[in-house]
Amino acid sequence: MKDGRVVRALGHGIVTGRRVVDGFARRYQLSLLEGHGRDVYIGPNCSMTWGSVRLGNSVYIGPGCVLQSAHGRIEIGDHVMLG
């Protein structure tokens, strides 16, 4: 009985720790962008020229999406879903 509680507590700690790490990673990604609006989601394994990307409000960029610009800026407006 005690083992089950320990395993549940350990699992809860792992899930909570993962959420904290994901939150920091998300804030770090957003800080690299030139600008962004509210409700922006960037999936894992995305590749961007971070400093030249501006995102509007309610933007979803799916996992593995690539946004690259050799010259100029990439601007994505409001209510856009990529990937």
C-alpha atoms as a PDB file:
ATOM      1  CA  MET A   1       0.000   0.000   0.000  1.00  0.00           C
ATOM      2  CA  LYS A   2       2.790   2.434   0.864  1.00  0.00           C
ATOM      3  CA  ASP A   3       4.573   1.635  -2.399  1.00  0.00           C
ATOM      4  CA  GLY A   4       1.521   2.728  -4.402  1.00  0.00           C
ATOM      5  CA  ARG A   5       1.432   6.082  -2.632  1.00  0.00           C
ATOM      6  CA  VAL A   6       5.148   6.604  -3.183  1.00  0.00           C
ATOM      7  CA  VAL A   7       4.818   5.826  -6.889  1.00  0.00           C
ATOM      8  CA  ARG A   8       1.820   8.182  -7.231  1.00  0.00           C
ATOM      9  CA  ALA A   9       3.677  10.947  -5.377  1.00  0.00           C
ATOM     10  CA  LEU A  10       6.757  10.437  -7.536  1.00  0.00           C
ATOM     11  CA  GLY A  11       4.648  10.495 -10.710  1.00  0.00           C
ATOM     12  CA  HIS A  12       2.908  13.687  -9.579  1.00  0.00           C
ATOM     13  CA  GLY A  13       6.305  15.278  -8.866  1.00  0.00           C
ATOM     14  CA  ILE A  14       7.592  14.357 -12.313  1.00  0.00           C
ATOM     15  CA  VAL A  15       4.490  15.763 -14.043  1.00  0.00           C
ATOM     16  CA  THR A  16       4.671  18.971 -12.001  1.00  0.00           C
ATOM     17  CA  GLY A  17       8.389  19.346 -12.730  1.00  0.00           C
ATOM     18  CA  ARG A  18       7.774  18.858 -16.443  1.00  0.00           C
ATOM     19  CA  ARG A  19       5.107  21.579 -16.428  1.00  0.00           C
ATOM     20  CA  VAL A  20       7.502  23.992 -14.735  1.00  0.00           C
ATOM     21  CA  VAL A  21      10.253  23.250 -17.287  1.00  0.00           C
ATOM     22  CA  ASP A  22       7.782  23.605 -20.179  1.00  0.00           C
ATOM     23  CA  GLY A  23       6.648  26.967 -18.801  1.00  0.00           C
ATOM     24  CA  PHE A  24      10.216  28.283 -18.646  1.00  0.00           C
ATOM     25  CA  ALA A  25      10.969  26.946 -22.143  1.00  0.00           C
ATOM     26  CA  ARG A  26       7.836  28.634 -23.526  1.00  0.00           C
ATOM     27  CA  ARG A  27       8.731  31.994 -21.954  1.00  0.00           C
ATOM     28  CA  TYR A  28      12.290  31.687 -23.284  1.00  0.00           C
ATOM     29  CA  GLN A  29      11.066  30.944 -26.828  1.00  0.00           C
ATOM     30  CA  LEU A  30       8.726  33.938 -26.756  1.00  0.00           C
ATOM     31  CA  SER A  31      11.526  36.199 -25.487  1.00  0.00           C
ATOM     32  CA  LEU A  32      13.581  35.340 -28.604  1.00  0.00           C
ATOM     33  CA  LEU A  33      10.887  36.599 -31.001  1.00  0.00           C
ATOM     34  CA  GLU A  34      10.888  40.126 -32.373  1.00  0.00           C
ATOM     35  CA  GLY A  35       7.337  40.450 -31.054  1.00  0.00           C
ATOM     36  CA  HIS A  36       4.229  38.450 -30.214  1.00  0.00           C
ATOM     37  CA  GLY A  37       0.621  38.830 -29.156  1.00  0.00           C
ATOM     38  CA  ARG A  38      -1.505  36.930 -26.648  1.00  0.00           C
ATOM     39  CA  ASP A  39      -2.287  33.204 -26.722  1.00  0.00           C
ATOM     40  CA  VAL A  40       0.741  32.126 -28.749  1.00  0.00           C
ATOM     41  CA  TYR A  41       1.740  28.443 -28.808  1.00  0.00           C
ATOM     42  CA  ILE A  42       4.991  27.201 -30.332  1.00  0.00           C
ATOM     43  CA  GLY A  43       5.313  23.436 -30.532  1.00  0.00           C
ATOM     44  CA  PRO A  44       8.442  21.441 -29.770  1.00  0.00           C
ATOM     45  CA  ASN A  45      11.290  21.069 -32.265  1.00  0.00           C
ATOM     46  CA  CYS A  46      10.471  24.259 -34.165  1.00  0.00           C
ATOM     47  CA  SER A  47      13.229  26.009 -36.066  1.00  0.00           C
ATOM     48  CA  MET A  48      13.023  29.751 -36.664  1.00  0.00           C
ATOM     49  CA  THR A  49      15.097  32.785 -37.365  1.00  0.00           C
ATOM     50  CA  TRP A  50      13.798  33.880 -33.966  1.00  0.00           C
ATOM     51  CA  GLY A  51      14.846  37.532 -34.015  1.00  0.00           C
ATOM     52  CA  SER A  52      13.023  38.253 -37.270  1.00  0.00           C
ATOM     53  CA  VAL A  53       9.634  36.668 -36.435  1.00  0.00           C
ATOM     54  CA  ARG A  54       6.569  38.620 -35.249  1.00  0.00           C
ATOM     55  CA  LEU A  55       3.419  36.752 -34.239  1.00  0.00           C
ATOM     56  CA  GLY A  56      -0.074  38.133 -33.729  1.00  0.00           C
ATOM     57  CA  ASN A  57      -2.741  37.074 -31.234  1.00  0.00           C
ATOM     58  CA  SER A  58      -4.026  33.494 -31.072  1.00  0.00           C
ATOM     59  CA  VAL A  59      -1.245  31.918 -33.132  1.00  0.00           C
ATOM     60  CA  TYR A  60      -0.544  28.172 -33.091  1.00  0.00           C
ATOM     61  CA  ILE A  61       2.702  26.876 -34.563  1.00  0.00           C
ATOM     62  CA  GLY A  62       2.735  23.089 -34.563  1.00  0.00           C
ATOM     63  CA  PRO A  63       5.583  20.734 -33.709  1.00  0.00           C
ATOM     64  CA  GLY A  64       8.542  20.677 -36.088  1.00  0.00           C
ATOM     65  CA  CYS A  65       7.473  23.796 -37.994  1.00  0.00           C
ATOM     66  CA  VAL A  66      10.255  25.711 -39.780  1.00  0.00           C
ATOM     67  CA  LEU A  67      10.093  29.496 -40.273  1.00  0.00           C
ATOM     68  CA  GLN A  68      13.246  30.826 -41.918  1.00  0.00           C
ATOM     69  CA  SER A  69      14.041  34.143 -43.534  1.00  0.00           C
ATOM     70  CA  ALA A  70      17.390  35.010 -45.069  1.00  0.00           C
ATOM     71  CA  HIS A  71      16.418  38.671 -45.544  1.00  0.00           C
ATOM     72  CA  GLY A  72      13.601  40.569 -43.926  1.00  0.00           C
ATOM     73  CA  ARG A  73      10.978  39.787 -41.350  1.00  0.00           C
ATOM     74  CA  ILE A  74       8.329  37.094 -41.038  1.00  0.00           C
ATOM     75  CA  GLU A  75       5.011  38.513 -39.830  1.00  0.00           C
ATOM     76  CA  ILE A  76       2.116  36.232 -38.978  1.00  0.00           C
ATOM     77  CA  GLY A  77      -1.189  37.928 -38.196  1.00  0.00           C
ATOM     78  CA  ASP A  78      -3.953  37.095 -35.735  1.00  0.00           C
ATOM     79  CA  HIS A  79      -5.824  33.763 -35.556  1.00  0.00           C
ATOM     80  CA  VAL A  80      -3.336  31.713 -37.603  1.00  0.00           C
ATOM     81  CA  MET A  81      -2.572  28.003 -37.317  1.00  0.00           C
ATOM     82  CA  LEU A  82       0.571  26.488 -38.902  1.00  0.00           C
ATOM     83  CA  GLY A  83       1.579  22.839 -38.820  1.00  0.00           C
END
